[in-house]
Amino acid sequence: ASYDLAILTEGDKALQTIKTEHAHLPQAMQVIVITDGKAAPLQDIVPAYAEIYYIDDNATHIDEVKAAYPQVVAIHLQRDIQTPYSANTKPAATADYVINDLQIDLRDYPAKKS
C-alpha cells in the first residue's frame, strides 16, 4: 500500500524548523510549520485523500480538526511522559481513538463509517 506522511507542527517557526530538521525524518516527509491553528492548513490536503489519519497530543487541536473535517480519523496521543498538555488528561471530545504511544499499526484503526 502507498501512503503519504506529513507533520503539521505548531509554534515558533524557527524553533519548529530546527526541531524537525534534527528529527531524522525520511527525506520525503512533508513538514508544514504553522503558527495559528491546525484546521486551516489542512483545507487543501484533506480533499485530496480518501482517508486521513490525524494524530495529535493536544485535545483542542483534535477537536478543531474534527469540527472542520469530520471525515478525518482523529487519534489522540495521551503520552505517559510529561508534555505541555499533560495537565489535560481528558481525551479529545471528538477523538475516534485514544492511544498512549506511537507504537501503533494504523490498520488497527479503521476509518469509521458514517
Protein backbone atom coordinates (compact mmCIF):
# COMPACT_ATOMS: atom_id res chain seq x y z
CA ALA A 1 0.00 0.00 0.00
CA SER A 2 1.11 3.52 -0.74
CA TYR A 3 0.67 6.42 1.62
CA ASP A 4 1.90 9.93 2.25
CA LEU A 5 3.10 11.23 5.60
CA ALA A 6 3.23 14.82 6.76
CA ILE A 7 3.98 16.57 10.00
CA LEU A 8 1.88 19.59 10.88
CA THR A 9 3.66 21.34 13.73
CA GLU A 10 2.55 24.49 15.52
CA GLY A 11 4.75 27.01 17.28
CA ASP A 12 7.62 29.37 16.70
CA LYS A 13 8.59 28.83 13.06
CA ALA A 14 12.36 28.91 13.68
CA LEU A 15 12.19 26.52 16.65
CA GLN A 16 9.83 24.08 14.92
CA THR A 17 12.01 24.09 11.80
CA ILE A 18 15.12 23.29 13.85
CA LYS A 19 13.28 20.51 15.72
CA THR A 20 12.05 18.84 12.55
CA GLU A 21 15.40 19.22 10.76
CA HIS A 22 17.09 17.34 13.63
CA ALA A 23 14.41 14.66 13.98
CA HIS A 24 15.95 12.35 11.34
CA LEU A 25 12.72 12.24 9.34
CA PRO A 26 12.54 10.46 5.98
CA GLN A 27 13.57 12.73 3.10
CA ALA A 28 10.10 12.55 1.55
CA MET A 29 8.36 13.63 4.75
CA GLN A 30 6.46 16.86 4.22
CA VAL A 31 6.74 19.26 7.16
CA ILE A 32 4.22 22.08 7.49
CA VAL A 33 5.06 24.65 10.17
CA ILE A 34 2.15 26.80 11.31
CA THR A 35 1.67 29.45 13.94
CA ASP A 36 -2.08 29.57 14.46
CA GLY A 37 -4.46 26.61 14.38
CA LYS A 38 -4.28 23.29 12.58
CA ALA A 39 -7.56 23.11 10.66
CA ALA A 40 -6.91 25.87 8.10
CA PRO A 41 -3.62 24.45 6.73
CA LEU A 42 -5.42 21.15 6.05
CA GLN A 43 -8.01 22.70 3.73
CA ASP A 44 -6.05 21.80 0.58
CA ILE A 45 -4.83 18.44 1.88
CA VAL A 46 -7.98 16.74 3.19
CA PRO A 47 -9.96 16.77 -0.09
CA ALA A 48 -7.07 15.10 -1.92
CA TYR A 49 -7.27 11.87 0.10
CA ALA A 50 -9.88 9.17 0.63
CA GLU A 51 -8.55 8.58 4.16
CA ILE A 52 -6.64 10.84 6.51
CA TYR A 53 -5.32 9.83 9.93
CA TYR A 54 -4.59 12.77 12.20
CA ILE A 55 -2.56 12.11 15.36
CA ASP A 56 -2.09 14.84 17.96
CA ASP A 57 -1.32 15.09 21.67
CA ASN A 58 -3.38 18.27 22.04
CA ALA A 59 -7.12 17.64 22.56
CA THR A 60 -8.00 21.17 21.44
CA HIS A 61 -6.29 20.63 18.08
CA ILE A 62 -8.12 17.34 17.54
CA ASP A 63 -11.49 18.92 18.28
CA GLU A 64 -10.66 21.82 15.93
CA VAL A 65 -9.68 19.49 13.08
CA LYS A 66 -12.69 17.19 13.58
CA ALA A 67 -15.08 20.17 13.60
CA ALA A 68 -13.71 21.27 10.22
CA TYR A 69 -13.20 17.79 8.73
CA PRO A 70 -15.40 15.15 10.38
CA GLN A 71 -14.21 12.53 7.88
CA VAL A 72 -10.66 12.63 9.30
CA VAL A 73 -9.81 9.74 11.63
CA ALA A 74 -8.53 11.56 14.73
CA ILE A 75 -6.24 9.76 17.14
CA HIS A 76 -5.47 11.42 20.47
CA LEU A 77 -1.98 10.59 21.72
CA GLN A 78 -2.11 10.73 25.51
CA ARG A 79 1.53 10.32 26.43
CA ASP A 80 2.60 8.82 29.75
CA ILE A 81 5.50 11.26 29.86
CA GLN A 82 5.34 14.94 30.84
CA THR A 83 4.32 17.22 27.96
CA PRO A 84 2.89 20.73 27.75
CA TYR A 85 -0.55 19.11 27.50
CA SER A 86 -0.17 16.59 30.36
CA ALA A 87 -2.43 18.64 32.61
CA ASN A 88 -5.31 17.97 30.21
CA THR A 89 -5.89 14.28 30.90
CA LYS A 90 -9.29 14.08 29.23
CA PRO A 91 -9.35 12.67 25.70
CA ALA A 92 -10.44 14.99 22.95
CA ALA A 93 -14.24 15.05 22.82
CA THR A 94 -14.20 14.15 19.12
CA ALA A 95 -11.27 11.71 19.01
CA ASP A 96 -12.02 8.48 17.18
CA TYR A 97 -9.31 6.67 19.13
CA VAL A 98 -7.02 7.32 22.12
CA ILE A 99 -3.52 5.83 22.27
CA ASN A 100 -0.62 6.06 24.74
CA ASP A 101 2.37 5.82 22.40
CA LEU A 102 3.27 5.77 18.73
CA GLN A 103 3.92 2.03 18.58
CA ILE A 104 0.77 1.51 16.51
CA ASP A 105 -0.31 -0.06 13.25
CA LEU A 106 -2.83 2.22 11.56
CA ARG A 107 -4.52 -0.84 10.07
CA ASP A 108 -5.84 -1.42 13.61
CA TYR A 109 -7.64 1.93 13.45
CA PRO A 110 -10.06 1.74 10.53
CA ALA A 111 -11.87 4.77 9.25
CA LYS A 112 -15.27 4.90 10.92
CA LYS A 113 -18.22 4.55 8.59
CA SER A 114 -20.81 7.30 8.85
